[in-house]
């Protein structure tokens, strides 16, 4: 059809992609593209001091399992998040791809995130070795997508090593199960976890996936 947009199929991810790494070699701190993930129980003195220096710089910090180990008078009040975790799928559900999206597909994913009021993942996450993406459909026909990052340490009581985020579906495809299928795909057979904001209503979505609360996290942004 003249003028029709044709999107190439996703490019398969490397078969043996290396894992992520601790940021600046500081145990307990991992980049999450738009923010930093912090495991307070794994921080050394240098890591704790560096994280403390970021509290009032506008850096988005996600402290996993417990608040940051800094005096309350020296830290902004965090938002308490619920960590939900549960199973994924050994193999992607029918019609869902789990490969590195090509650039046109990534642009469509970014458009869906923006339309849903979500902060899009930066382009560096598209083919990063520690990130996994799933979607149904291609190009302008992309019906929904989800992303997940491989974690350097377990998260929550289930010991999940993947953090799911950026779950969205086309408004016309809501209540079709496409978003849940994408989450199952990026979670994989070992399962995963997600961070839920209070009052967001996301608990109903993840409860339908047979996920349950497995811990807490604390969001700092000042």
N, C-alpha and C. Protein backbone atom coordinates (compact mmCIF):
# COMPACT_ATOMS: atom_id res chain seq x y z
N UNK A 1 0.85 -1.18 0.00
CA UNK A 1 0.00 0.00 0.00
C UNK A 1 0.89 1.24 0.00
N UNK A 2 0.70 2.17 -0.96
CA UNK A 2 1.55 3.37 -1.01
C UNK A 2 1.43 4.17 0.28
N UNK A 3 2.57 4.62 0.76
CA UNK A 3 2.58 5.46 1.95
C UNK A 3 2.46 4.71 3.25
N UNK A 4 2.25 3.38 3.19
CA UNK A 4 2.10 2.60 4.42
C UNK A 4 3.44 2.50 5.13
N UNK A 5 3.38 2.52 6.47
CA UNK A 5 4.61 2.39 7.26
C UNK A 5 4.92 0.91 7.43
N UNK A 6 6.11 0.51 7.05
CA UNK A 6 6.53 -0.88 7.20
C UNK A 6 7.63 -0.93 8.25
N UNK A 7 7.40 -1.73 9.29
CA UNK A 7 8.37 -1.84 10.36
C UNK A 7 9.08 -3.18 10.28
N UNK A 8 10.39 -3.15 10.36
CA UNK A 8 11.14 -4.40 10.33
C UNK A 8 10.91 -5.20 11.61
N UNK A 9 11.02 -6.51 11.55
CA UNK A 9 10.85 -7.31 12.76
C UNK A 9 11.96 -7.00 13.75
N UNK A 10 11.72 -7.29 15.06
CA UNK A 10 12.74 -7.00 16.06
C UNK A 10 14.03 -7.75 15.78
N UNK A 11 15.12 -7.18 16.23
CA UNK A 11 16.43 -7.81 16.08
C UNK A 11 16.68 -8.71 17.28
N UNK A 12 16.98 -9.99 17.09
CA UNK A 12 17.19 -10.87 18.24
C UNK A 12 18.29 -10.34 19.15
N UNK A 13 18.07 -10.45 20.46
CA UNK A 13 19.07 -10.02 21.43
C UNK A 13 20.22 -11.01 21.44
N UNK A 14 21.42 -10.59 21.85
CA UNK A 14 22.54 -11.51 21.92
C UNK A 14 22.22 -12.71 22.80
N UNK A 15 22.68 -13.88 22.39
CA UNK A 15 22.35 -15.10 23.13
C UNK A 15 23.00 -15.13 24.50
N UNK A 16 24.15 -14.51 24.66
CA UNK A 16 24.85 -14.55 25.94
C UNK A 16 25.17 -13.13 26.40
N UNK A 17 24.12 -12.36 26.59
CA UNK A 17 24.32 -10.98 26.99
C UNK A 17 24.90 -10.92 28.40
N UNK A 18 25.92 -10.10 28.60
CA UNK A 18 26.52 -10.00 29.93
C UNK A 18 25.57 -9.30 30.89
N UNK A 19 25.66 -9.59 32.17
CA UNK A 19 24.79 -8.94 33.15
C UNK A 19 25.19 -7.50 33.36
N UNK A 20 24.39 -6.79 34.15
CA UNK A 20 24.74 -5.42 34.48
C UNK A 20 25.89 -5.39 35.47
N UNK A 21 26.15 -4.23 36.04
CA UNK A 21 27.25 -4.12 36.98
C UNK A 21 26.88 -3.08 38.03
N UNK A 22 27.59 -3.14 39.15
CA UNK A 22 27.39 -2.14 40.18
C UNK A 22 27.91 -0.79 39.67
N UNK A 23 27.15 0.26 39.88
CA UNK A 23 27.50 1.58 39.39
C UNK A 23 28.78 2.08 40.05
N UNK A 24 29.74 2.50 39.26
CA UNK A 24 31.03 3.00 39.75
C UNK A 24 31.75 1.98 40.63
N UNK A 25 31.39 0.70 40.48
CA UNK A 25 32.02 -0.33 41.29
C UNK A 25 31.60 -0.32 42.74
N UNK A 26 30.51 0.38 43.07
CA UNK A 26 30.03 0.47 44.45
C UNK A 26 28.94 -0.57 44.69
N UNK A 27 29.20 -1.61 45.46
CA UNK A 27 28.18 -2.64 45.73
C UNK A 27 26.91 -2.03 46.31
N UNK A 28 25.78 -2.54 45.82
CA UNK A 28 24.49 -2.07 46.33
C UNK A 28 23.87 -0.95 45.55
N UNK A 29 24.51 -0.49 44.46
CA UNK A 29 23.97 0.60 43.66
C UNK A 29 23.98 0.18 42.19
N UNK A 30 22.81 0.21 41.56
CA UNK A 30 22.67 -0.17 40.16
C UNK A 30 21.89 0.90 39.42
N UNK A 31 22.35 1.25 38.24
CA UNK A 31 21.61 2.20 37.41
C UNK A 31 20.33 1.56 36.90
N UNK A 32 19.23 2.32 36.97
CA UNK A 32 17.94 1.89 36.43
C UNK A 32 17.52 2.83 35.31
N UNK A 33 18.49 3.34 34.59
CA UNK A 33 18.30 4.28 33.49
C UNK A 33 17.78 5.62 33.97
N UNK A 34 16.54 5.69 34.43
CA UNK A 34 15.96 6.96 34.87
C UNK A 34 16.22 7.23 36.35
N UNK A 35 16.72 6.26 37.06
CA UNK A 35 16.92 6.39 38.50
C UNK A 35 18.02 5.44 38.95
N UNK A 36 18.28 5.42 40.25
CA UNK A 36 19.25 4.50 40.81
C UNK A 36 18.55 3.54 41.75
N UNK A 37 18.88 2.26 41.63
CA UNK A 37 18.40 1.24 42.57
C UNK A 37 19.45 1.08 43.66
N UNK A 38 18.98 1.05 44.91
CA UNK A 38 19.91 0.95 46.04
C UNK A 38 19.45 -0.18 46.96
N UNK A 39 20.37 -1.10 47.26
CA UNK A 39 20.14 -2.15 48.26
C UNK A 39 20.86 -1.70 49.53
N UNK A 40 20.16 -1.15 50.52
CA UNK A 40 20.83 -0.61 51.71
C UNK A 40 21.70 -1.62 52.43
N UNK A 41 21.27 -2.89 52.45
CA UNK A 41 22.04 -3.89 53.19
C UNK A 41 23.34 -4.28 52.49
N UNK A 42 23.51 -3.86 51.25
CA UNK A 42 24.73 -4.19 50.52
C UNK A 42 25.70 -3.00 50.42
N UNK A 43 25.27 -1.84 50.89
CA UNK A 43 26.10 -0.64 50.76
C UNK A 43 27.31 -0.71 51.70
N UNK A 44 28.45 -0.32 51.17
CA UNK A 44 29.62 -0.09 52.01
C UNK A 44 29.65 1.36 52.44
N UNK A 45 30.66 1.74 53.18
CA UNK A 45 30.75 3.12 53.66
C UNK A 45 30.82 4.11 52.50
N UNK A 46 31.60 3.77 51.47
CA UNK A 46 31.75 4.68 50.33
C UNK A 46 30.44 4.82 49.58
N UNK A 47 29.73 3.70 49.40
CA UNK A 47 28.46 3.74 48.69
C UNK A 47 27.42 4.53 49.45
N UNK A 48 27.35 4.33 50.77
CA UNK A 48 26.38 5.07 51.59
C UNK A 48 26.65 6.56 51.54
N UNK A 49 27.92 6.93 51.60
CA UNK A 49 28.28 8.35 51.56
C UNK A 49 27.92 8.96 50.21
N UNK A 50 28.17 8.22 49.12
CA UNK A 50 27.87 8.75 47.79
C UNK A 50 26.37 8.92 47.59
N UNK A 51 25.59 7.91 48.01
CA UNK A 51 24.13 8.01 47.89
C UNK A 51 23.61 9.17 48.72
N UNK A 52 24.15 9.34 49.93
CA UNK A 52 23.72 10.45 50.78
C UNK A 52 23.98 11.80 50.14
N UNK A 53 25.05 11.90 49.37
CA UNK A 53 25.37 13.17 48.71
C UNK A 53 24.41 13.49 47.57
N UNK A 54 23.63 12.51 47.13
CA UNK A 54 22.72 12.71 46.00
C UNK A 54 21.30 13.07 46.42
N UNK A 55 21.02 13.05 47.72
CA UNK A 55 19.65 13.17 48.20
C UNK A 55 18.97 14.47 47.78
N UNK A 56 19.70 15.56 47.67
CA UNK A 56 19.09 16.84 47.36
C UNK A 56 19.57 17.38 46.01
N UNK A 57 19.90 16.48 45.11
CA UNK A 57 20.39 16.89 43.79
C UNK A 57 19.36 16.64 42.69
N UNK A 58 18.18 16.16 43.03
CA UNK A 58 17.18 15.83 42.03
C UNK A 58 17.29 14.42 41.50
N UNK A 59 18.26 13.66 41.99
CA UNK A 59 18.43 12.27 41.57
C UNK A 59 17.28 11.42 42.10
N UNK A 60 16.76 10.55 41.25
CA UNK A 60 15.70 9.62 41.66
C UNK A 60 16.35 8.38 42.26
N UNK A 61 16.07 8.13 43.53
CA UNK A 61 16.66 7.00 44.25
C UNK A 61 15.57 6.05 44.70
N UNK A 62 15.75 4.77 44.43
CA UNK A 62 14.83 3.73 44.86
C UNK A 62 15.55 2.81 45.83
N UNK A 63 15.23 2.94 47.11
CA UNK A 63 15.86 2.13 48.15
C UNK A 63 15.02 0.87 48.34
N UNK A 64 15.63 -0.28 48.14
CA UNK A 64 14.90 -1.54 48.10
C UNK A 64 14.98 -2.29 49.42
N UNK A 65 13.82 -2.57 50.02
CA UNK A 65 13.76 -3.35 51.24
C UNK A 65 13.74 -2.54 52.51
N UNK A 66 14.35 -1.39 52.53
CA UNK A 66 14.43 -0.55 53.73
C UNK A 66 14.78 0.87 53.31
N UNK A 67 14.50 1.85 54.18
CA UNK A 67 14.91 3.23 53.85
C UNK A 67 16.42 3.34 53.75
N UNK A 68 16.88 4.41 53.13
CA UNK A 68 18.31 4.65 53.01
C UNK A 68 18.93 4.82 54.40
N UNK A 69 20.15 4.34 54.59
CA UNK A 69 20.80 4.43 55.90
C UNK A 69 21.41 5.80 56.17
N UNK A 70 20.53 6.81 56.21
CA UNK A 70 20.98 8.17 56.52
C UNK A 70 20.05 8.72 57.60
N UNK A 71 20.53 9.60 58.46
CA UNK A 71 19.67 10.18 59.51
C UNK A 71 18.44 10.83 58.90
N UNK A 72 17.28 10.61 59.53
CA UNK A 72 16.02 11.13 58.99
C UNK A 72 16.06 12.64 58.79
N UNK A 73 16.77 13.35 59.68
CA UNK A 73 16.82 14.81 59.57
C UNK A 73 17.61 15.27 58.36
N UNK A 74 18.40 14.36 57.77
CA UNK A 74 19.22 14.73 56.62
C UNK A 74 18.67 14.17 55.31
N UNK A 75 17.48 13.59 55.35
CA UNK A 75 16.91 12.98 54.15
C UNK A 75 15.51 13.50 53.88
N UNK A 76 15.14 13.68 52.63
CA UNK A 76 13.75 14.04 52.31
C UNK A 76 12.82 12.88 52.65
N UNK A 77 11.57 13.18 52.86
CA UNK A 77 10.60 12.13 53.18
C UNK A 77 10.36 11.27 51.94
N UNK A 78 10.63 9.96 52.02
CA UNK A 78 10.42 9.12 50.84
C UNK A 78 8.97 8.70 50.68
N UNK A 79 8.63 8.30 49.47
CA UNK A 79 7.33 7.69 49.20
C UNK A 79 7.49 6.18 49.32
N UNK A 80 6.67 5.57 50.14
CA UNK A 80 6.77 4.14 50.33
C UNK A 80 6.04 3.41 49.20
N UNK A 81 6.73 2.51 48.54
CA UNK A 81 6.19 1.73 47.44
C UNK A 81 6.04 0.28 47.87
N UNK A 82 5.11 -0.40 47.26
CA UNK A 82 4.94 -1.83 47.52
C UNK A 82 5.66 -2.62 46.44
N UNK A 83 6.41 -3.63 46.85
CA UNK A 83 7.06 -4.53 45.91
C UNK A 83 6.15 -5.75 45.74
N UNK A 84 5.71 -5.96 44.53
CA UNK A 84 4.90 -7.15 44.21
C UNK A 84 5.74 -8.08 43.34
N UNK A 85 5.60 -9.36 43.57
CA UNK A 85 6.36 -10.32 42.78
C UNK A 85 5.55 -11.55 42.47
N UNK A 86 6.00 -12.28 41.47
CA UNK A 86 5.28 -13.49 41.11
C UNK A 86 5.84 -14.14 39.87
N UNK A 87 5.09 -15.10 39.35
CA UNK A 87 5.59 -15.90 38.23
C UNK A 87 5.51 -15.18 36.90
N UNK A 88 6.30 -15.68 35.96
CA UNK A 88 6.23 -15.23 34.59
C UNK A 88 5.86 -16.41 33.71
N UNK A 89 6.35 -16.42 32.50
CA UNK A 89 6.06 -17.50 31.56
C UNK A 89 7.37 -18.11 31.09
N UNK A 90 7.44 -19.43 31.06
CA UNK A 90 8.64 -20.11 30.56
C UNK A 90 8.91 -19.73 29.11
N UNK A 91 7.84 -19.62 28.34
CA UNK A 91 7.93 -19.20 26.94
C UNK A 91 6.97 -18.03 26.74
N UNK A 92 7.29 -17.07 25.88
CA UNK A 92 6.39 -15.94 25.66
C UNK A 92 5.00 -16.39 25.24
N UNK A 93 3.95 -15.77 25.76
CA UNK A 93 2.59 -16.09 25.30
C UNK A 93 2.48 -15.91 23.79
N UNK A 94 1.52 -16.57 23.20
CA UNK A 94 1.36 -16.54 21.75
C UNK A 94 1.21 -15.11 21.24
N UNK A 95 1.98 -14.80 20.22
CA UNK A 95 1.90 -13.48 19.60
C UNK A 95 2.74 -12.41 20.25
N UNK A 96 3.46 -12.75 21.33
CA UNK A 96 4.28 -11.76 22.04
C UNK A 96 5.75 -12.00 21.73
N UNK A 97 6.47 -10.96 21.32
CA UNK A 97 7.90 -11.09 21.06
C UNK A 97 8.71 -10.61 22.27
N UNK A 98 9.87 -11.19 22.43
CA UNK A 98 10.79 -10.79 23.50
C UNK A 98 12.18 -10.62 22.88
N UNK A 99 12.31 -9.63 22.05
CA UNK A 99 13.56 -9.37 21.35
C UNK A 99 13.88 -7.88 21.44
N UNK A 100 15.08 -7.51 21.01
CA UNK A 100 15.45 -6.11 20.99
C UNK A 100 14.61 -5.39 19.94
N UNK A 101 13.79 -4.42 20.33
CA UNK A 101 12.95 -3.73 19.34
C UNK A 101 13.80 -2.88 18.40
N UNK A 102 13.40 -2.84 17.13
CA UNK A 102 14.10 -1.95 16.21
C UNK A 102 13.70 -0.51 16.51
N UNK A 103 14.34 0.45 15.87
CA UNK A 103 14.11 1.85 16.23
C UNK A 103 12.68 2.31 15.97
N UNK A 104 12.05 1.96 14.83
CA UNK A 104 10.65 2.36 14.65
C UNK A 104 9.74 1.79 15.73
N UNK A 105 9.99 0.54 16.12
CA UNK A 105 9.18 -0.07 17.16
C UNK A 105 9.41 0.67 18.49
N UNK A 106 10.67 1.02 18.78
CA UNK A 106 10.98 1.75 20.01
C UNK A 106 10.28 3.11 20.03
N UNK A 107 10.20 3.75 18.88
CA UNK A 107 9.49 5.03 18.81
C UNK A 107 8.02 4.85 19.13
N UNK A 108 7.44 3.76 18.66
CA UNK A 108 6.04 3.47 18.97
C UNK A 108 5.87 3.18 20.47
N UNK A 109 6.81 2.42 21.06
CA UNK A 109 6.76 2.14 22.49
C UNK A 109 6.82 3.45 23.27
N UNK A 110 7.74 4.34 22.85
CA UNK A 110 7.87 5.64 23.52
C UNK A 110 6.58 6.43 23.41
N UNK A 111 5.93 6.35 22.26
CA UNK A 111 4.66 7.04 22.08
C UNK A 111 3.58 6.51 23.01
N UNK A 112 3.52 5.19 23.19
CA UNK A 112 2.54 4.60 24.09
C UNK A 112 2.80 5.02 25.53
N UNK A 113 4.09 5.01 25.94
CA UNK A 113 4.41 5.43 27.31
C UNK A 113 4.02 6.88 27.54
N UNK A 114 4.34 7.74 26.58
CA UNK A 114 4.03 9.16 26.73
C UNK A 114 2.53 9.39 26.81
N UNK A 115 1.78 8.71 25.94
CA UNK A 115 0.33 8.87 25.93
C UNK A 115 -0.31 8.40 27.23
N UNK A 116 0.34 7.44 27.89
CA UNK A 116 -0.19 6.91 29.15
C UNK A 116 0.30 7.70 30.36
N UNK A 117 1.09 8.74 30.13
CA UNK A 117 1.58 9.55 31.22
C UNK A 117 2.79 8.96 31.92
N UNK A 118 3.47 8.00 31.27
CA UNK A 118 4.66 7.38 31.84
C UNK A 118 5.91 8.06 31.28
N UNK A 119 6.94 8.17 32.10
CA UNK A 119 8.21 8.70 31.61
C UNK A 119 8.87 7.63 30.74
N UNK A 120 9.10 7.90 29.46
CA UNK A 120 9.68 6.86 28.59
C UNK A 120 11.08 6.45 29.04
N UNK A 121 11.40 5.19 28.82
CA UNK A 121 12.77 4.75 29.02
C UNK A 121 13.65 5.45 27.99
N UNK A 122 14.88 5.80 28.34
CA UNK A 122 15.78 6.45 27.38
C UNK A 122 16.22 5.47 26.31
N UNK A 123 16.66 5.97 25.16
CA UNK A 123 17.09 5.09 24.07
C UNK A 123 18.17 4.09 24.47
N UNK A 124 18.98 4.43 25.46
CA UNK A 124 20.05 3.52 25.88
C UNK A 124 19.52 2.20 26.43
N UNK A 125 18.26 2.16 26.85
CA UNK A 125 17.69 0.92 27.39
C UNK A 125 17.24 -0.02 26.28
N UNK A 126 17.12 0.48 25.05
CA UNK A 126 16.57 -0.34 23.97
C UNK A 126 17.36 -1.62 23.75
N UNK A 127 18.68 -1.51 23.69
CA UNK A 127 19.51 -2.69 23.41
C UNK A 127 20.49 -2.98 24.54
N UNK A 128 20.29 -2.39 25.71
CA UNK A 128 21.18 -2.64 26.84
C UNK A 128 21.14 -4.12 27.23
N UNK A 129 22.30 -4.66 27.60
CA UNK A 129 22.41 -6.09 27.87
C UNK A 129 21.56 -6.54 29.04
N UNK A 130 21.33 -5.65 30.01
CA UNK A 130 20.58 -6.06 31.20
C UNK A 130 19.10 -5.73 31.12
N UNK A 131 18.63 -5.33 29.93
CA UNK A 131 17.21 -5.02 29.74
C UNK A 131 16.56 -6.00 28.78
N UNK A 132 15.29 -6.28 29.03
CA UNK A 132 14.51 -7.20 28.21
C UNK A 132 13.17 -6.51 27.91
N UNK A 133 12.73 -6.61 26.69
CA UNK A 133 11.48 -5.96 26.28
C UNK A 133 10.55 -6.99 25.62
N UNK A 134 9.27 -6.74 25.77
CA UNK A 134 8.28 -7.61 25.15
C UNK A 134 7.16 -6.76 24.58
N UNK A 135 6.57 -7.22 23.50
CA UNK A 135 5.46 -6.49 22.91
C UNK A 135 4.61 -7.40 22.05
N UNK A 136 3.47 -6.92 21.69
CA UNK A 136 2.59 -7.64 20.75
C UNK A 136 2.27 -6.70 19.61
N UNK A 137 2.61 -7.13 18.40
CA UNK A 137 2.42 -6.29 17.23
C UNK A 137 3.68 -5.52 16.90
N UNK A 138 3.67 -4.86 15.75
CA UNK A 138 4.85 -4.14 15.27
C UNK A 138 4.45 -2.75 14.78
N UNK A 139 5.42 -1.83 14.86
CA UNK A 139 5.21 -0.50 14.31
C UNK A 139 3.95 0.15 14.83
N UNK A 140 3.15 0.71 13.93
CA UNK A 140 1.91 1.37 14.33
C UNK A 140 0.88 0.38 14.84
N UNK A 141 1.14 -0.92 14.64
CA UNK A 141 0.21 -1.96 15.11
C UNK A 141 0.61 -2.50 16.48
N UNK A 142 1.61 -1.87 17.12
CA UNK A 142 2.02 -2.32 18.44
C UNK A 142 0.86 -2.12 19.43
N UNK A 143 0.40 -3.22 20.01
CA UNK A 143 -0.77 -3.15 20.88
C UNK A 143 -0.41 -2.93 22.34
N UNK A 144 0.80 -3.29 22.73
CA UNK A 144 1.21 -3.13 24.11
C UNK A 144 2.63 -3.59 24.29
N UNK A 145 3.23 -3.23 25.42
CA UNK A 145 4.61 -3.61 25.67
C UNK A 145 4.92 -3.56 27.16
N UNK A 146 6.03 -4.13 27.52
CA UNK A 146 6.54 -4.08 28.90
C UNK A 146 8.05 -4.26 28.84
N UNK A 147 8.73 -3.80 29.86
CA UNK A 147 10.18 -3.92 29.94
C UNK A 147 10.58 -4.45 31.31
N UNK A 148 11.77 -5.01 31.40
CA UNK A 148 12.28 -5.51 32.68
C UNK A 148 13.79 -5.45 32.67
N UNK A 149 14.36 -5.17 33.84
CA UNK A 149 15.80 -5.10 33.98
C UNK A 149 16.30 -6.26 34.83
N UNK A 150 17.42 -6.86 34.39
CA UNK A 150 18.07 -7.88 35.19
C UNK A 150 18.76 -7.20 36.37
N UNK A 151 18.49 -7.70 37.58
CA UNK A 151 19.01 -7.07 38.79
C UNK A 151 20.30 -7.72 39.25
N UNK A 152 21.11 -6.92 39.91
CA UNK A 152 22.37 -7.41 40.44
C UNK A 152 22.20 -8.18 41.74
N UNK A 153 21.06 -7.99 42.41
CA UNK A 153 20.80 -8.67 43.68
C UNK A 153 19.30 -8.96 43.75
N UNK A 154 18.88 -9.92 44.58
CA UNK A 154 17.46 -10.26 44.69
C UNK A 154 16.62 -9.09 45.21
N UNK A 155 15.35 -9.11 44.83
CA UNK A 155 14.41 -8.08 45.26
C UNK A 155 13.17 -8.75 45.84
N UNK A 156 12.88 -8.44 47.09
CA UNK A 156 11.67 -8.98 47.71
C UNK A 156 11.84 -10.40 48.20
N UNK A 157 10.80 -10.89 48.88
CA UNK A 157 10.85 -12.20 49.52
C UNK A 157 10.98 -13.34 48.53
N UNK A 158 10.59 -13.14 47.28
CA UNK A 158 10.67 -14.22 46.30
C UNK A 158 12.07 -14.37 45.72
N UNK A 159 12.95 -13.40 45.99
CA UNK A 159 14.30 -13.44 45.41
C UNK A 159 14.33 -13.11 43.94
N UNK A 160 13.33 -12.35 43.46
CA UNK A 160 13.25 -12.00 42.04
C UNK A 160 14.51 -11.27 41.58
N UNK A 161 14.95 -11.58 40.37
CA UNK A 161 16.14 -10.94 39.81
C UNK A 161 15.80 -10.12 38.56
N UNK A 162 14.51 -9.86 38.34
CA UNK A 162 14.09 -8.97 37.26
C UNK A 162 13.09 -7.97 37.81
N UNK A 163 13.23 -6.72 37.39
CA UNK A 163 12.33 -5.66 37.81
C UNK A 163 11.52 -5.19 36.60
N UNK A 164 10.22 -5.41 36.64
CA UNK A 164 9.33 -5.05 35.53
C UNK A 164 8.90 -3.60 35.66
N UNK A 165 8.86 -2.90 34.53
CA UNK A 165 8.39 -1.51 34.52
C UNK A 165 7.85 -1.17 33.14
N UNK A 166 7.37 0.05 33.00
CA UNK A 166 6.95 0.58 31.68
C UNK A 166 5.93 -0.35 31.00
N UNK A 167 4.94 -0.78 31.77
CA UNK A 167 3.88 -1.65 31.24
C UNK A 167 2.78 -0.78 30.68
N UNK A 168 2.41 -0.99 29.43
CA UNK A 168 1.41 -0.14 28.81
C UNK A 168 0.75 -0.89 27.66
N UNK A 169 -0.47 -0.46 27.34
CA UNK A 169 -1.16 -0.99 26.15
C UNK A 169 -1.85 0.15 25.43
N UNK A 170 -2.09 -0.06 24.16
CA UNK A 170 -2.84 0.91 23.37
C UNK A 170 -4.23 1.06 24.00
N UNK A 171 -4.73 2.30 24.14
CA UNK A 171 -6.05 2.49 24.75
C UNK A 171 -7.14 1.63 24.12
N UNK A 172 -7.02 1.38 22.81
CA UNK A 172 -8.03 0.57 22.14
C UNK A 172 -7.91 -0.92 22.46
N UNK A 173 -6.78 -1.32 23.07
CA UNK A 173 -6.55 -2.74 23.37
C UNK A 173 -6.61 -3.04 24.87
N UNK A 174 -7.04 -2.09 25.65
CA UNK A 174 -7.16 -2.34 27.08
C UNK A 174 -8.23 -3.38 27.35
N UNK A 175 -8.04 -4.08 28.44
CA UNK A 175 -8.95 -5.17 28.84
C UNK A 175 -8.92 -6.33 27.85
N UNK A 176 -7.86 -6.41 27.04
CA UNK A 176 -7.72 -7.55 26.13
C UNK A 176 -6.67 -8.54 26.64
N UNK A 177 -5.98 -8.17 27.72
CA UNK A 177 -4.96 -9.06 28.27
C UNK A 177 -3.59 -8.87 27.66
N UNK A 178 -3.43 -7.91 26.73
CA UNK A 178 -2.14 -7.75 26.06
C UNK A 178 -1.06 -7.30 27.03
N UNK A 179 -1.39 -6.38 27.95
CA UNK A 179 -0.38 -5.91 28.90
C UNK A 179 0.06 -7.02 29.83
N UNK A 180 -0.88 -7.83 30.29
CA UNK A 180 -0.53 -8.95 31.18
C UNK A 180 0.35 -9.96 30.44
N UNK A 181 0.05 -10.20 29.16
CA UNK A 181 0.86 -11.14 28.38
C UNK A 181 2.29 -10.63 28.24
N UNK A 182 2.45 -9.32 28.06
CA UNK A 182 3.79 -8.76 27.93
C UNK A 182 4.56 -8.86 29.25
N UNK A 183 3.87 -8.67 30.38
CA UNK A 183 4.53 -8.81 31.68
C UNK A 183 4.99 -10.25 31.88
N UNK A 184 4.14 -11.21 31.55
CA UNK A 184 4.54 -12.62 31.70
C UNK A 184 5.78 -12.92 30.86
N UNK A 185 5.84 -12.31 29.68
CA UNK A 185 6.97 -12.57 28.78
C UNK A 185 8.27 -11.99 29.33
N UNK A 186 8.26 -10.74 29.80
CA UNK A 186 9.51 -10.15 30.28
C UNK A 186 9.91 -10.72 31.64
N UNK A 187 8.94 -11.21 32.41
CA UNK A 187 9.26 -11.79 33.72
C UNK A 187 10.02 -13.09 33.56
N UNK A 188 9.69 -13.86 32.53
CA UNK A 188 10.38 -15.13 32.30
C UNK A 188 9.98 -16.20 33.32
N UNK A 189 10.54 -17.36 33.15
CA UNK A 189 10.17 -18.49 33.99
C UNK A 189 10.54 -18.34 35.45
N UNK A 190 11.59 -17.55 35.74
CA UNK A 190 12.02 -17.39 37.13
C UNK A 190 11.17 -16.38 37.89
N UNK A 191 10.31 -15.67 37.19
CA UNK A 191 9.49 -14.67 37.84
C UNK A 191 10.21 -13.34 37.98
N UNK A 192 9.48 -12.35 38.51
CA UNK A 192 10.03 -11.00 38.59
C UNK A 192 9.29 -10.23 39.66
N UNK A 193 9.60 -8.94 39.76
CA UNK A 193 8.95 -8.07 40.73
C UNK A 193 8.68 -6.72 40.08
N UNK A 194 7.81 -5.94 40.71
CA UNK A 194 7.49 -4.61 40.22
C UNK A 194 7.27 -3.70 41.42
N UNK A 195 7.49 -2.40 41.23
CA UNK A 195 7.30 -1.41 42.29
C UNK A 195 5.99 -0.68 42.02
N UNK A 196 5.08 -0.69 43.00
CA UNK A 196 3.75 -0.12 42.83
C UNK A 196 3.58 1.11 43.71
N UNK A 197 3.11 2.19 43.12
CA UNK A 197 2.85 3.40 43.88
C UNK A 197 1.54 3.26 44.64
N UNK A 198 1.46 3.86 45.84
CA UNK A 198 0.21 3.76 46.61
C UNK A 198 -0.94 4.45 45.89
N UNK A 199 -2.08 3.78 45.89
CA UNK A 199 -3.27 4.35 45.28
C UNK A 199 -3.30 4.33 43.77
N UNK A 200 -2.33 3.67 43.14
CA UNK A 200 -2.29 3.65 41.68
C UNK A 200 -3.29 2.67 41.07
N UNK A 201 -3.76 1.73 41.87
CA UNK A 201 -4.67 0.70 41.35
C UNK A 201 -3.95 -0.42 40.64
N UNK A 202 -2.62 -0.35 40.57
CA UNK A 202 -1.85 -1.39 39.87
C UNK A 202 -1.91 -2.73 40.59
N UNK A 203 -2.28 -2.72 41.88
CA UNK A 203 -2.35 -3.99 42.61
C UNK A 203 -3.37 -4.93 41.98
N UNK A 204 -4.47 -4.39 41.46
CA UNK A 204 -5.48 -5.24 40.82
C UNK A 204 -4.92 -5.89 39.55
N UNK A 205 -4.13 -5.11 38.81
CA UNK A 205 -3.53 -5.64 37.58
C UNK A 205 -2.61 -6.81 37.91
N UNK A 206 -1.72 -6.63 38.90
CA UNK A 206 -0.75 -7.67 39.22
C UNK A 206 -1.39 -8.83 39.98
N UNK A 207 -2.46 -8.58 40.73
CA UNK A 207 -3.17 -9.67 41.38
C UNK A 207 -3.76 -10.62 40.35
N UNK A 208 -4.17 -10.07 39.19
CA UNK A 208 -4.70 -10.91 38.12
C UNK A 208 -3.62 -11.80 37.52
N UNK A 209 -2.36 -11.44 37.74
CA UNK A 209 -1.23 -12.26 37.28
C UNK A 209 -0.79 -13.27 38.34
N UNK A 210 -1.52 -13.28 39.47
CA UNK A 210 -1.19 -14.13 40.61
C UNK A 210 0.10 -13.68 41.30
N UNK A 211 0.38 -12.38 41.21
CA UNK A 211 1.47 -11.79 41.97
C UNK A 211 0.95 -11.34 43.33
N UNK A 212 1.84 -11.23 44.30
CA UNK A 212 1.48 -10.83 45.66
C UNK A 212 2.51 -9.85 46.21
N UNK A 213 2.17 -9.11 47.27
CA UNK A 213 3.15 -8.22 47.91
C UNK A 213 4.30 -9.03 48.51
N UNK A 214 5.53 -8.62 48.25
CA UNK A 214 6.70 -9.37 48.73
C UNK A 214 7.71 -8.48 49.44
N UNK A 215 7.38 -7.19 49.63
CA UNK A 215 8.32 -6.31 50.30
C UNK A 215 7.96 -4.85 50.09
N UNK A 216 8.88 -3.98 50.46
CA UNK A 216 8.68 -2.54 50.34
C UNK A 216 9.89 -1.90 49.67
N UNK A 217 9.66 -0.74 49.12
CA UNK A 217 10.74 0.08 48.57
C UNK A 217 10.43 1.53 48.92
N UNK A 218 11.44 2.39 48.82
CA UNK A 218 11.29 3.79 49.23
C UNK A 218 11.87 4.69 48.15
N UNK A 219 11.01 5.58 47.66
CA UNK A 219 11.38 6.46 46.55
C UNK A 219 11.75 7.84 47.07
N UNK A 220 12.98 8.25 46.77
CA UNK A 220 13.48 9.57 47.17
C UNK A 220 13.68 10.42 45.92
N UNK A 221 13.13 11.64 45.95
CA UNK A 221 13.34 12.57 44.82
C UNK A 221 13.13 13.97 45.34
N UNK A 222 14.19 14.76 45.37
CA UNK A 222 14.07 16.12 45.90
C UNK A 222 14.88 17.07 45.02
